[in-house]
Amino acid sequence: MRAMMVGLLAMLAAGTAAEAAPERRCGWLHNPSPGNHWLDDRDGEWVLSAQGGPELPGMRLIPDMTTREWVRTNGYYGYGCACLTMEVNRAQRRVLRVTAAEQLPLSRCRADRSLPSPG
């Protein structure tokens, strides 16, 4: 019985670690208004923040994208193309942490047919 419990705990720990392993995801990074951010990639939408909600660990790693290759849709707010390295829970489609971020040229996302239209 004890061996079975140890094995079960090991499997649960491995599953949790696998879910939280950093993944590089590229697509449209949206920031349409203060405090609202999400990434649309080939797998769907990954919410990073919602106005008034808690700050996701690592959000400060995302560079100011408004200075170049940025489409303004609401003052300085809008969207751009980026790759984010994130720890995610795939089953819940939830972002746990951002570990790295890189802005890309808009042309890269525009050429990627697996991405949805940005807006």
PDB file of N, CA and C in Angstrom:
ATOM      1  N   MET A   1       0.828  -1.195   0.000  1.00  0.00           N
ATOM      2  CA  MET A   1       0.000   0.000   0.000  1.00  0.00           C
ATOM      3  C   MET A   1       0.877   1.265   0.000  1.00  0.00           C
ATOM      4  N   ARG A   2       1.896   1.256   0.855  1.00  0.00           N
ATOM      5  CA  ARG A   2       2.772   2.422   0.933  1.00  0.00           C
ATOM      6  C   ARG A   2       3.466   2.663  -0.407  1.00  0.00           C
ATOM      7  N   ALA A   3       3.917   1.608  -1.054  1.00  0.00           N
ATOM      8  CA  ALA A   3       4.580   1.756  -2.353  1.00  0.00           C
ATOM      9  C   ALA A   3       3.631   2.349  -3.376  1.00  0.00           C
ATOM     10  N   MET A   4       2.351   1.939  -3.334  1.00  0.00           N
ATOM     11  CA  MET A   4       1.370   2.476  -4.266  1.00  0.00           C
ATOM     12  C   MET A   4       1.157   3.968  -4.011  1.00  0.00           C
ATOM     13  N   MET A   5       1.105   4.388  -2.758  1.00  0.00           N
ATOM     14  CA  MET A   5       0.920   5.809  -2.420  1.00  0.00           C
ATOM     15  C   MET A   5       2.121   6.636  -2.874  1.00  0.00           C
ATOM     16  N   VAL A   6       3.326   6.099  -2.657  1.00  0.00           N
ATOM     17  CA  VAL A   6       4.534   6.807  -3.093  1.00  0.00           C
ATOM     18  C   VAL A   6       4.521   6.948  -4.615  1.00  0.00           C
ATOM     19  N   GLY A   7       4.149   5.874  -5.322  1.00  0.00           N
ATOM     20  CA  GLY A   7       4.072   5.927  -6.778  1.00  0.00           C
ATOM     21  C   GLY A   7       3.047   6.933  -7.268  1.00  0.00           C
ATOM     22  N   LEU A   8       1.885   6.960  -6.606  1.00  0.00           N
ATOM     23  CA  LEU A   8       0.835   7.907  -6.973  1.00  0.00           C
ATOM     24  C   LEU A   8       1.291   9.341  -6.755  1.00  0.00           C
ATOM     25  N   LEU A   9       1.937   9.603  -5.631  1.00  0.00           N
ATOM     26  CA  LEU A   9       2.448  10.950  -5.361  1.00  0.00           C
ATOM     27  C   LEU A   9       3.506  11.343  -6.382  1.00  0.00           C
ATOM     28  N   ALA A  10       4.357  10.413  -6.760  1.00  0.00           N
ATOM     29  CA  ALA A  10       5.378  10.705  -7.768  1.00  0.00           C
ATOM     30  C   ALA A  10       4.740  11.039  -9.112  1.00  0.00           C
ATOM     31  N   MET A  11       3.695  10.301  -9.483  1.00  0.00           N
ATOM     32  CA  MET A  11       3.005  10.579 -10.745  1.00  0.00           C
ATOM     33  C   MET A  11       2.327  11.945 -10.701  1.00  0.00           C
ATOM     34  N   LEU A  12       1.710  12.284  -9.594  1.00  0.00           N
ATOM     35  CA  LEU A  12       1.063  13.599  -9.465  1.00  0.00           C
ATOM     36  C   LEU A  12       2.092  14.707  -9.557  1.00  0.00           C
ATOM     37  N   ALA A  13       3.212  14.535  -8.883  1.00  0.00           N
ATOM     38  CA  ALA A  13       4.268  15.552  -8.935  1.00  0.00           C
ATOM     39  C   ALA A  13       4.807  15.694 -10.345  1.00  0.00           C
ATOM     40  N   ALA A  14       4.986  14.597 -11.043  1.00  0.00           N
ATOM     41  CA  ALA A  14       5.478  14.653 -12.423  1.00  0.00           C
ATOM     42  C   ALA A  14       4.475  15.344 -13.325  1.00  0.00           C
ATOM     43  N   GLY A  15       3.190  15.089 -13.135  1.00  0.00           N
ATOM     44  CA  GLY A  15       2.154  15.741 -13.934  1.00  0.00           C
ATOM     45  C   GLY A  15       2.124  17.229 -13.700  1.00  0.00           C
ATOM     46  N   THR A  16       2.263  17.644 -12.450  1.00  0.00           N
ATOM     47  CA  THR A  16       2.281  19.072 -12.125  1.00  0.00           C
ATOM     48  C   THR A  16       3.499  19.732 -12.737  1.00  0.00           C
ATOM     49  N   ALA A  17       4.650  19.082 -12.636  1.00  0.00           N
ATOM     50  CA  ALA A  17       5.867  19.656 -13.203  1.00  0.00           C
ATOM     51  C   ALA A  17       5.751  19.769 -14.714  1.00  0.00           C
ATOM     52  N   ALA A  18       5.172  18.765 -15.361  1.00  0.00           N
ATOM     53  CA  ALA A  18       5.030  18.802 -16.816  1.00  0.00           C
ATOM     54  C   ALA A  18       4.102  19.935 -17.243  1.00  0.00           C
ATOM     55  N   GLU A  19       3.043  20.165 -16.479  1.00  0.00           N
ATOM     56  CA  GLU A  19       2.121  21.247 -16.826  1.00  0.00           C
ATOM     57  C   GLU A  19       2.776  22.605 -16.677  1.00  0.00           C
ATOM     58  N   ALA A  20       3.688  22.716 -15.711  1.00  0.00           N
ATOM     59  CA  ALA A  20       4.292  24.012 -15.436  1.00  0.00           C
ATOM     60  C   ALA A  20       5.601  24.219 -16.193  1.00  0.00           C
ATOM     61  N   ALA A  21       6.030  23.256 -16.999  1.00  0.00           N
ATOM     62  CA  ALA A  21       7.262  23.420 -17.762  1.00  0.00           C
ATOM     63  C   ALA A  21       7.110  24.598 -18.713  1.00  0.00           C
ATOM     64  N   PRO A  22       8.111  25.472 -18.788  1.00  0.00           N
ATOM     65  CA  PRO A  22       7.997  26.633 -19.683  1.00  0.00           C
ATOM     66  C   PRO A  22       7.801  26.232 -21.142  1.00  0.00           C
ATOM     67  N   GLU A  23       6.919  26.940 -21.812  1.00  0.00           N
ATOM     68  CA  GLU A  23       6.633  26.736 -23.228  1.00  0.00           C
ATOM     69  C   GLU A  23       6.789  28.065 -23.942  1.00  0.00           C
ATOM     70  N   ARG A  24       7.403  28.043 -25.107  1.00  0.00           N
ATOM     71  CA  ARG A  24       7.505  29.258 -25.929  1.00  0.00           C
ATOM     72  C   ARG A  24       6.289  29.290 -26.839  1.00  0.00           C
ATOM     73  N   ARG A  25       5.496  30.352 -26.710  1.00  0.00           N
ATOM     74  CA  ARG A  25       4.275  30.507 -27.499  1.00  0.00           C
ATOM     75  C   ARG A  25       4.352  31.842 -28.228  1.00  0.00           C
ATOM     76  N   CYS A  26       4.065  31.813 -29.519  1.00  0.00           N
ATOM     77  CA  CYS A  26       4.167  33.013 -30.347  1.00  0.00           C
ATOM     78  C   CYS A  26       2.818  33.338 -30.974  1.00  0.00           C
ATOM     79  N   GLY A  27       2.530  34.625 -31.056  1.00  0.00           N
ATOM     80  CA  GLY A  27       1.285  35.052 -31.670  1.00  0.00           C
ATOM     81  C   GLY A  27       1.016  36.521 -31.407  1.00  0.00           C
ATOM     82  N   TRP A  28      -0.262  36.874 -31.473  1.00  0.00           N
ATOM     83  CA  TRP A  28      -0.685  38.255 -31.282  1.00  0.00           C
ATOM     84  C   TRP A  28      -0.810  38.559 -29.791  1.00  0.00           C
ATOM     85  N   LEU A  29      -0.032  39.535 -29.329  1.00  0.00           N
ATOM     86  CA  LEU A  29      -0.122  39.984 -27.940  1.00  0.00           C
ATOM     87  C   LEU A  29      -1.032  41.204 -27.909  1.00  0.00           C
ATOM     88  N   HIS A  30      -2.154  41.061 -27.242  1.00  0.00           N
ATOM     89  CA  HIS A  30      -3.153  42.125 -27.166  1.00  0.00           C
ATOM     90  C   HIS A  30      -3.060  42.867 -25.839  1.00  0.00           C
ATOM     91  N   ASN A  31      -3.169  44.172 -25.907  1.00  0.00           N
ATOM     92  CA  ASN A  31      -3.286  45.049 -24.738  1.00  0.00           C
ATOM     93  C   ASN A  31      -4.253  46.162 -25.140  1.00  0.00           C
ATOM     94  N   PRO A  32      -5.572  45.838 -25.194  1.00  0.00           N
ATOM     95  CA  PRO A  32      -6.548  46.783 -25.732  1.00  0.00           C
ATOM     96  C   PRO A  32      -6.925  47.914 -24.791  1.00  0.00           C
ATOM     97  N   SER A  33      -6.638  47.755 -23.501  1.00  0.00           N
ATOM     98  CA  SER A  33      -6.976  48.766 -22.504  1.00  0.00           C
ATOM     99  C   SER A  33      -6.146  48.499 -21.250  1.00  0.00           C
ATOM    100  N   PRO A  34      -6.102  49.448 -20.318  1.00  0.00           N
ATOM    101  CA  PRO A  34      -5.247  49.275 -19.132  1.00  0.00           C
ATOM    102  C   PRO A  34      -5.530  47.965 -18.387  1.00  0.00           C
ATOM    103  N   GLY A  35      -4.462  47.232 -18.104  1.00  0.00           N
ATOM    104  CA  GLY A  35      -4.571  46.024 -17.300  1.00  0.00           C
ATOM    105  C   GLY A  35      -5.064  44.784 -18.009  1.00  0.00           C
ATOM    106  N   ASN A  36      -5.394  44.877 -19.285  1.00  0.00           N
ATOM    107  CA  ASN A  36      -5.903  43.722 -20.025  1.00  0.00           C
ATOM    108  C   ASN A  36      -4.865  43.262 -21.045  1.00  0.00           C
ATOM    109  N   HIS A  37      -4.427  42.018 -20.910  1.00  0.00           N
ATOM    110  CA  HIS A  37      -3.428  41.441 -21.810  1.00  0.00           C
ATOM    111  C   HIS A  37      -3.789  39.988 -22.096  1.00  0.00           C
ATOM    112  N   TRP A  38      -3.620  39.573 -23.352  1.00  0.00           N
ATOM    113  CA  TRP A  38      -3.724  38.159 -23.683  1.00  0.00           C
ATOM    114  C   TRP A  38      -2.916  37.886 -24.932  1.00  0.00           C
ATOM    115  N   LEU A  39      -2.556  36.611 -25.100  1.00  0.00           N
ATOM    116  CA  LEU A  39      -1.820  36.160 -26.269  1.00  0.00           C
ATOM    117  C   LEU A  39      -2.707  35.199 -27.042  1.00  0.00           C
ATOM    118  N   ASP A  40      -2.898  35.469 -28.333  1.00  0.00           N
ATOM    119  CA  ASP A  40      -3.603  34.549 -29.232  1.00  0.00           C
ATOM    120  C   ASP A  40      -2.551  33.817 -30.044  1.00  0.00           C
ATOM    121  N   ASP A  41      -2.434  32.504 -29.836  1.00  0.00           N
ATOM    122  CA  ASP A  41      -1.506  31.710 -30.626  1.00  0.00           C
ATOM    123  C   ASP A  41      -2.279  30.635 -31.386  1.00  0.00           C
ATOM    124  N   ARG A  42      -1.586  29.697 -31.984  1.00  0.00           N
ATOM    125  CA  ARG A  42      -2.241  28.665 -32.802  1.00  0.00           C
ATOM    126  C   ARG A  42      -3.186  27.791 -31.996  1.00  0.00           C
ATOM    127  N   ASP A  43      -3.002  27.751 -30.661  1.00  0.00           N
ATOM    128  CA  ASP A  43      -3.850  26.915 -29.807  1.00  0.00           C
ATOM    129  C   ASP A  43      -5.021  27.664 -29.192  1.00  0.00           C
ATOM    130  N   GLY A  44      -5.066  28.990 -29.351  1.00  0.00           N
ATOM    131  CA  GLY A  44      -6.165  29.760 -28.780  1.00  0.00           C
ATOM    132  C   GLY A  44      -5.688  30.938 -27.955  1.00  0.00           C
ATOM    133  N   GLU A  45      -6.534  31.347 -27.046  1.00  0.00           N
ATOM    134  CA  GLU A  45      -6.292  32.550 -26.238  1.00  0.00           C
ATOM    135  C   GLU A  45      -5.714  32.173 -24.873  1.00  0.00           C
ATOM    136  N   TRP A  46      -4.665  32.906 -24.477  1.00  0.00           N
ATOM    137  CA  TRP A  46      -4.022  32.732 -23.171  1.00  0.00           C
ATOM    138  C   TRP A  46      -4.115  34.068 -22.436  1.00  0.00           C
ATOM    139  N   VAL A  47      -4.962  34.142 -21.430  1.00  0.00           N
ATOM    140  CA  VAL A  47      -5.165  35.386 -20.679  1.00  0.00           C
ATOM    141  C   VAL A  47      -3.985  35.604 -19.737  1.00  0.00           C
ATOM    142  N   LEU A  48      -3.397  36.792 -19.832  1.00  0.00           N
ATOM    143  CA  LEU A  48      -2.264  37.160 -18.989  1.00  0.00           C
ATOM    144  C   LEU A  48      -2.695  38.052 -17.832  1.00  0.00           C
ATOM    145  N   SER A  49      -3.643  38.939 -18.089  1.00  0.00           N
ATOM    146  CA  SER A  49      -4.128  39.816 -17.021  1.00  0.00           C
ATOM    147  C   SER A  49      -5.487  40.384 -17.397  1.00  0.00           C
ATOM    148  N   ALA A  50      -6.242  40.706 -16.365  1.00  0.00           N
ATOM    149  CA  ALA A  50      -7.539  41.356 -16.524  1.00  0.00           C
ATOM    150  C   ALA A  50      -7.572  42.546 -15.580  1.00  0.00           C
ATOM    151  N   GLN A  51      -8.088  43.642 -16.060  1.00  0.00           N
ATOM    152  CA  GLN A  51      -8.112  44.877 -15.283  1.00  0.00           C
ATOM    153  C   GLN A  51      -8.697  44.631 -13.889  1.00  0.00           C
ATOM    154  N   GLY A  52      -7.965  45.062 -12.879  1.00  0.00           N
ATOM    155  CA  GLY A  52      -8.405  44.907 -11.503  1.00  0.00           C
ATOM    156  C   GLY A  52      -8.012  43.585 -10.878  1.00  0.00           C
ATOM    157  N   GLY A  53      -7.495  42.652 -11.676  1.00  0.00           N
ATOM    158  CA  GLY A  53      -7.094  41.346 -11.158  1.00  0.00           C
ATOM    159  C   GLY A  53      -5.657  41.369 -10.676  1.00  0.00           C
ATOM    160  N   PRO A  54      -5.219  40.260 -10.104  1.00  0.00           N
ATOM    161  CA  PRO A  54      -3.839  40.186  -9.616  1.00  0.00           C
ATOM    162  C   PRO A  54      -2.844  40.183 -10.778  1.00  0.00           C
ATOM    163  N   GLU A  55      -1.628  40.655 -10.511  1.00  0.00           N
ATOM    164  CA  GLU A  55      -0.594  40.661 -11.541  1.00  0.00           C
ATOM    165  C   GLU A  55       0.030  39.276 -11.646  1.00  0.00           C
ATOM    166  N   LEU A  56       0.104  38.767 -12.844  1.00  0.00           N
ATOM    167  CA  LEU A  56       0.708  37.483 -13.115  1.00  0.00           C
ATOM    168  C   LEU A  56       2.216  37.594 -12.910  1.00  0.00           C
ATOM    169  N   PRO A  57       2.831  36.647 -12.219  1.00  0.00           N
ATOM    170  CA  PRO A  57       4.292  36.700 -12.071  1.00  0.00           C
ATOM    171  C   PRO A  57       4.968  36.754 -13.441  1.00  0.00           C
ATOM    172  N   GLY A  58       5.926  37.651 -13.583  1.00  0.00           N
ATOM    173  CA  GLY A  58       6.696  37.787 -14.810  1.00  0.00           C
ATOM    174  C   GLY A  58       6.148  38.774 -15.826  1.00  0.00           C
ATOM    175  N   MET A  59       5.008  39.386 -15.560  1.00  0.00           N
ATOM    176  CA  MET A  59       4.439  40.332 -16.529  1.00  0.00           C
ATOM    177  C   MET A  59       5.387  41.501 -16.811  1.00  0.00           C
ATOM    178  N   ARG A  60       6.198  41.846 -15.855  1.00  0.00           N
ATOM    179  CA  ARG A  60       7.128  42.970 -16.050  1.00  0.00           C
ATOM    180  C   ARG A  60       8.264  42.631 -17.013  1.00  0.00           C
ATOM    181  N   LEU A  61       8.373  41.362 -17.395  1.00  0.00           N
ATOM    182  CA  LEU A  61       9.379  40.948 -18.380  1.00  0.00           C
ATOM    183  C   LEU A  61       8.959  41.301 -19.806  1.00  0.00           C
ATOM    184  N   ILE A  62       7.680  41.587 -20.001  1.00  0.00           N
ATOM    185  CA  ILE A  62       7.191  41.949 -21.334  1.00  0.00           C
ATOM    186  C   ILE A  62       7.633  43.381 -21.629  1.00  0.00           C
ATOM    187  N   PRO A  63       8.384  43.568 -22.707  1.00  0.00           N
ATOM    188  CA  PRO A  63       8.891  44.917 -23.010  1.00  0.00           C
ATOM    189  C   PRO A  63       7.774  45.864 -23.448  1.00  0.00           C
ATOM    190  N   ASP A  64       8.075  47.166 -23.398  1.00  0.00           N
ATOM    191  CA  ASP A  64       7.150  48.168 -23.934  1.00  0.00           C
ATOM    192  C   ASP A  64       7.126  47.981 -25.446  1.00  0.00           C
ATOM    193  N   MET A  65       6.047  47.456 -25.945  1.00  0.00           N
ATOM    194  CA  MET A  65       5.941  47.147 -27.361  1.00  0.00           C
ATOM    195  C   MET A  65       5.376  48.303 -28.181  1.00  0.00           C
ATOM    196  N   THR A  66       4.981  49.387 -27.529  1.00  0.00           N
ATOM    197  CA  THR A  66       4.302  50.476 -28.233  1.00  0.00           C
ATOM    198  C   THR A  66       5.243  51.374 -29.028  1.00  0.00           C
ATOM    199  N   THR A  67       6.559  51.197 -28.892  1.00  0.00           N
ATOM    200  CA  THR A  67       7.494  52.096 -29.560  1.00  0.00           C
ATOM    201  C   THR A  67       7.796  51.700 -31.002  1.00  0.00           C
ATOM    202  N   ARG A  68       7.517  50.423 -31.371  1.00  0.00           N
ATOM    203  CA  ARG A  68       7.748  49.972 -32.754  1.00  0.00           C
ATOM    204  C   ARG A  68       6.897  48.737 -33.016  1.00  0.00           C
ATOM    205  N   GLU A  69       6.538  48.532 -34.274  1.00  0.00           N
ATOM    206  CA  GLU A  69       5.796  47.330 -34.660  1.00  0.00           C
ATOM    207  C   GLU A  69       4.575  47.088 -33.765  1.00  0.00           C
ATOM    208  N   TRP A  70       3.787  48.120 -33.569  1.00  0.00           N
ATOM    209  CA  TRP A  70       2.615  48.075 -32.691  1.00  0.00           C
ATOM    210  C   TRP A  70       1.434  48.683 -33.425  1.00  0.00           C
ATOM    211  N   VAL A  71       0.293  48.026 -33.390  1.00  0.00           N
ATOM    212  CA  VAL A  71      -0.914  48.546 -34.021  1.00  0.00           C
ATOM    213  C   VAL A  71      -1.781  49.163 -32.933  1.00  0.00           C
ATOM    214  N   ARG A  72      -1.971  50.470 -33.015  1.00  0.00           N
ATOM    215  CA  ARG A  72      -2.790  51.175 -32.018  1.00  0.00           C
ATOM    216  C   ARG A  72      -4.262  51.072 -32.389  1.00  0.00           C
ATOM    217  N   THR A  73      -5.066  50.691 -31.410  1.00  0.00           N
ATOM    218  CA  THR A  73      -6.506  50.581 -31.630  1.00  0.00           C
ATOM    219  C   THR A  73      -7.294  51.426 -30.640  1.00  0.00           C
ATOM    220  N   ASN A  74      -6.600  51.933 -29.605  1.00  0.00           N
ATOM    221  CA  ASN A  74      -7.263  52.686 -28.543  1.00  0.00           C
ATOM    222  C   ASN A  74      -6.198  53.546 -27.867  1.00  0.00           C
ATOM    223  N   GLY A  75      -5.885  54.705 -28.457  1.00  0.00           N
ATOM    224  CA  GLY A  75      -4.785  55.506 -27.918  1.00  0.00           C
ATOM    225  C   GLY A  75      -3.482  54.754 -28.121  1.00  0.00           C
ATOM    226  N   TYR A  76      -2.730  54.539 -27.036  1.00  0.00           N
ATOM    227  CA  TYR A  76      -1.491  53.757 -27.115  1.00  0.00           C
ATOM    228  C   TYR A  76      -1.753  52.254 -27.025  1.00  0.00           C
ATOM    229  N   TYR A  77      -2.968  51.862 -26.727  1.00  0.00           N
ATOM    230  CA  TYR A  77      -3.313  50.451 -26.568  1.00  0.00           C
ATOM    231  C   TYR A  77      -3.579  49.807 -27.920  1.00  0.00           C
ATOM    232  N   GLY A  78      -3.328  48.507 -28.003  1.00  0.00           N
ATOM    233  CA  GLY A  78      -3.534  47.809 -29.267  1.00  0.00           C
ATOM    234  C   GLY A  78      -2.970  46.411 -29.212  1.00  0.00           C
ATOM    235  N   TYR A  79      -2.200  46.046 -30.273  1.00  0.00           N
ATOM    236  CA  TYR A  79      -1.638  44.697 -30.324  1.00  0.00           C
ATOM    237  C   TYR A  79      -0.346  44.690 -31.127  1.00  0.00           C
ATOM    238  N   GLY A  80       0.436  43.643 -30.895  1.00  0.00           N
ATOM    239  CA  GLY A  80       1.680  43.428 -31.609  1.00  0.00           C
ATOM    240  C   GLY A  80       1.942  41.939 -31.709  1.00  0.00           C
ATOM    241  N   CYS A  81       3.073  41.602 -32.252  1.00  0.00           N
ATOM    242  CA  CYS A  81       3.469  40.210 -32.432  1.00  0.00           C
ATOM    243  C   CYS A  81       4.576  39.906 -31.433  1.00  0.00           C
ATOM    244  N   ALA A  82       4.469  38.770 -30.747  1.00  0.00           N
ATOM    245  CA  ALA A  82       5.456  38.451 -29.722  1.00  0.00           C
ATOM    246  C   ALA A  82       5.556  36.953 -29.488  1.00  0.00           C
ATOM    247  N   CYS A  83       6.665  36.563 -28.907  1.00  0.00           N
ATOM    248  CA  CYS A  83       6.835  35.214 -28.374  1.00  0.00           C
ATOM    249  C   CYS A  83       7.009  35.364 -26.868  1.00  0.00           C
ATOM    250  N   LEU A  84       6.231  34.606 -26.129  1.00  0.00           N
ATOM    251  CA  LEU A  84       6.340  34.586 -24.673  1.00  0.00           C
ATOM    252  C   LEU A  84       6.709  33.176 -24.244  1.00  0.00           C
ATOM    253  N   THR A  85       7.628  33.076 -23.333  1.00  0.00           N
ATOM    254  CA  THR A  85       7.915  31.801 -22.700  1.00  0.00           C
ATOM    255  C   THR A  85       7.137  31.828 -21.397  1.00  0.00           C
ATOM    256  N   MET A  86       6.255  30.828 -21.230  1.00  0.00           N
ATOM    257  CA  MET A  86       5.317  30.845 -20.103  1.00  0.00           C
ATOM    258  C   MET A  86       5.207  29.463 -19.488  1.00  0.00           C
ATOM    259  N   GLU A  87       4.946  29.450 -18.203  1.00  0.00           N
ATOM    260  CA  GLU A  87       4.532  28.226 -17.532  1.00  0.00           C
ATOM    261  C   GLU A  87       3.014  28.236 -17.584  1.00  0.00           C
ATOM    262  N   VAL A  88       2.427  27.153 -18.070  1.00  0.00           N
ATOM    263  CA  VAL A  88       0.973  27.101 -18.244  1.00  0.00           C
ATOM    264  C   VAL A  88       0.404  25.811 -17.674  1.00  0.00           C
ATOM    265  N   ASN A  89      -0.866  25.863 -17.370  1.00  0.00           N
ATOM    266  CA  ASN A  89      -1.645  24.675 -17.055  1.00  0.00           C
ATOM    267  C   ASN A  89      -2.513  24.452 -18.281  1.00  0.00           C
ATOM    268  N   ARG A  90      -2.136  23.490 -19.108  1.00  0.00           N
ATOM    269  CA  ARG A  90      -2.855  23.253 -20.362  1.00  0.00           C
ATOM    270  C   ARG A  90      -4.288  22.793 -20.124  1.00  0.00           C
ATOM    271  N   ALA A  91      -4.487  21.956 -19.118  1.00  0.00           N
ATOM    272  CA  ALA A  91      -5.828  21.418 -18.856  1.00  0.00           C
ATOM    273  C   ALA A  91      -6.808  22.543 -18.545  1.00  0.00           C
ATOM    274  N   GLN A  92      -6.360  23.547 -17.803  1.00  0.00           N
ATOM    275  CA  GLN A  92      -7.224  24.669 -17.447  1.00  0.00           C
ATOM    276  C   GLN A  92      -7.037  25.857 -18.384  1.00  0.00           C
ATOM    277  N   ARG A  93      -6.128  25.717 -19.353  1.00  0.00           N
ATOM    278  CA  ARG A  93      -5.788  26.811 -20.281  1.00  0.00           C
ATOM    279  C   ARG A  93      -5.494  28.084 -19.504  1.00  0.00           C
ATOM    280  N   ARG A  94      -4.591  27.946 -18.536  1.00  0.00           N
ATOM    281  CA  ARG A  94      -4.269  29.053 -17.647  1.00  0.00           C
ATOM    282  C   ARG A  94      -2.770  29.317 -17.653  1.00  0.00           C
ATOM    283  N   VAL A  95      -2.388  30.574 -17.720  1.00  0.00           N
ATOM    284  CA  VAL A  95      -0.987  30.972 -17.629  1.00  0.00           C
ATOM    285  C   VAL A  95      -0.635  31.105 -16.148  1.00  0.00           C
ATOM    286  N   LEU A  96       0.471  30.491 -15.760  1.00  0.00           N
ATOM    287  CA  LEU A  96       0.915  30.542 -14.372  1.00  0.00           C
ATOM    288  C   LEU A  96       2.000  31.589 -14.157  1.00  0.00           C
ATOM    289  N   ARG A  97       2.863  31.759 -15.174  1.00  0.00           N
ATOM    290  CA  ARG A  97       3.993  32.685 -15.045  1.00  0.00           C
ATOM    291  C   ARG A  97       4.582  32.959 -16.422  1.00  0.00           C
ATOM    292  N   VAL A  98       5.047  34.187 -16.625  1.00  0.00           N
ATOM    293  CA  VAL A  98       5.814  34.540 -17.822  1.00  0.00           C
ATOM    294  C   VAL A  98       7.281  34.502 -17.416  1.00  0.00           C
ATOM    295  N   THR A  99       8.107  33.783 -18.191  1.00  0.00           N
ATOM    296  CA  THR A  99       9.529  33.697 -17.852  1.00  0.00           C
ATOM    297  C   THR A  99      10.423  34.445 -18.836  1.00  0.00           C
ATOM    298  N   ALA A 100       9.900  34.778 -20.014  1.00  0.00           N
ATOM    299  CA  ALA A 100      10.653  35.556 -21.004  1.00  0.00           C
ATOM    300  C   ALA A 100       9.671  36.099 -22.035  1.00  0.00           C
ATOM    301  N   ALA A 101      10.069  37.181 -22.690  1.00  0.00           N
ATOM    302  CA  ALA A 101       9.219  37.793 -23.716  1.00  0.00           C
ATOM    303  C   ALA A 101      10.087  38.447 -24.774  1.00  0.00           C
ATOM    304  N   GLU A 102       9.635  38.355 -26.013  1.00  0.00           N
ATOM    305  CA  GLU A 102      10.359  38.946 -27.132  1.00  0.00           C
ATOM    306  C   GLU A 102       9.362  39.499 -28.136  1.00  0.00           C
ATOM    307  N   GLN A 103       9.534  40.757 -28.495  1.00  0.00           N
ATOM    308  CA  GLN A 103       8.694  41.351 -29.533  1.00  0.00           C
ATOM    309  C   GLN A 103       9.206  40.912 -30.895  1.00  0.00           C
ATOM    310  N   LEU A 104       8.280  40.642 -31.814  1.00  0.00           N
ATOM    311  CA  LEU A 104       8.612  40.237 -33.175  1.00  0.00           C
ATOM    312  C   LEU A 104       8.035  41.238 -34.162  1.00  0.00           C
ATOM    313  N   PRO A 105       8.532  41.238 -35.390  1.00  0.00           N
ATOM    314  CA  PRO A 105       7.933  42.094 -36.412  1.00  0.00           C
ATOM    315  C   PRO A 105       6.483  41.664 -36.680  1.00  0.00           C
ATOM    316  N   LEU A 106       5.626  42.622 -36.945  1.00  0.00           N
ATOM    317  CA  LEU A 106       4.229  42.320 -37.269  1.00  0.00           C
ATOM    318  C   LEU A 106       4.129  41.357 -38.445  1.00  0.00           C
ATOM    319  N   SER A 107       5.058  41.487 -39.389  1.00  0.00           N
ATOM    320  CA  SER A 107       5.023  40.643 -40.585  1.00  0.00           C
ATOM    321  C   SER A 107       5.107  39.157 -40.236  1.00  0.00           C
ATOM    322  N   ARG A 108       5.767  38.825 -39.158  1.00  0.00           N
ATOM    323  CA  ARG A 108       5.885  37.403 -38.779  1.00  0.00           C
ATOM    324  C   ARG A 108       4.524  36.821 -38.407  1.00  0.00           C
ATOM    325  N   CYS A 109       3.758  37.533 -37.612  1.00  0.00           N
ATOM    326  CA  CYS A 109       2.428  37.040 -37.238  1.00  0.00           C
ATOM    327  C   CYS A 109       1.462  37.118 -38.415  1.00  0.00           C
ATOM    328  N   ARG A 110       1.591  38.162 -39.227  1.00  0.00           N
ATOM    329  CA  ARG A 110       0.704  38.283 -40.387  1.00  0.00           C
ATOM    330  C   ARG A 110       0.912  37.131 -41.366  1.00  0.00           C
ATOM    331  N   ALA A 111       2.134  36.618 -41.443  1.00  0.00           N
ATOM    332  CA  ALA A 111       2.441  35.528 -42.375  1.00  0.00           C
ATOM    333  C   ALA A 111       2.083  34.151 -41.812  1.00  0.00           C
ATOM    334  N   ASP A 112       1.823  34.058 -40.534  1.00  0.00           N
ATOM    335  CA  ASP A 112       1.531  32.773 -39.890  1.00  0.00           C
ATOM    336  C   ASP A 112       0.050  32.439 -40.051  1.00  0.00           C
ATOM    337  N   ARG A 113      -0.254  31.511 -40.930  1.00  0.00           N
ATOM    338  CA  ARG A 113      -1.649  31.162 -41.231  1.00  0.00           C
ATOM    339  C   ARG A 113      -2.325  30.400 -40.096  1.00  0.00           C
ATOM    340  N   SER A 114      -1.565  29.932 -39.117  1.00  0.00           N
ATOM    341  CA  SER A 114      -2.171  29.218 -37.992  1.00  0.00           C
ATOM    342  C   SER A 114      -2.734  30.177 -36.946  1.00  0.00           C
ATOM    343  N   LEU A 115      -2.438  31.472 -37.093  1.00  0.00           N
ATOM    344  CA  LEU A 115      -2.917  32.468 -36.121  1.00  0.00           C
ATOM    345  C   LEU A 115      -4.254  33.063 -36.565  1.00  0.00           C
ATOM    346  N   PRO A 116      -5.115  33.382 -35.591  1.00  0.00           N
ATOM    347  CA  PRO A 116      -6.353  34.076 -35.938  1.00  0.00           C
ATOM    348  C   PRO A 116      -6.064  35.516 -36.339  1.00  0.00           C
ATOM    349  N   SER A 117      -7.001  36.147 -36.986  1.00  0.00           N
ATOM    350  CA  SER A 117      -6.874  37.563 -37.317  1.00  0.00           C
ATOM    351  C   SER A 117      -6.782  38.351 -36.014  1.00  0.00           C
ATOM    352  N   PRO A 118      -5.911  39.357 -35.932  1.00  0.00           N
ATOM    353  CA  PRO A 118      -5.739  40.084 -34.676  1.00  0.00           C
ATOM    354  C   PRO A 118      -6.904  40.994 -34.309  1.00  0.00           C
ATOM    355  N   GLY A 119      -7.748  41.285 -35.211  1.00  0.00           N
ATOM    356  CA  GLY A 119      -8.824  42.168 -34.809  1.00  0.00           C
ATOM    357  C   GLY A 119      -9.633  42.605 -35.896  1.00  0.00           C
TER     358      GLY A 119
END
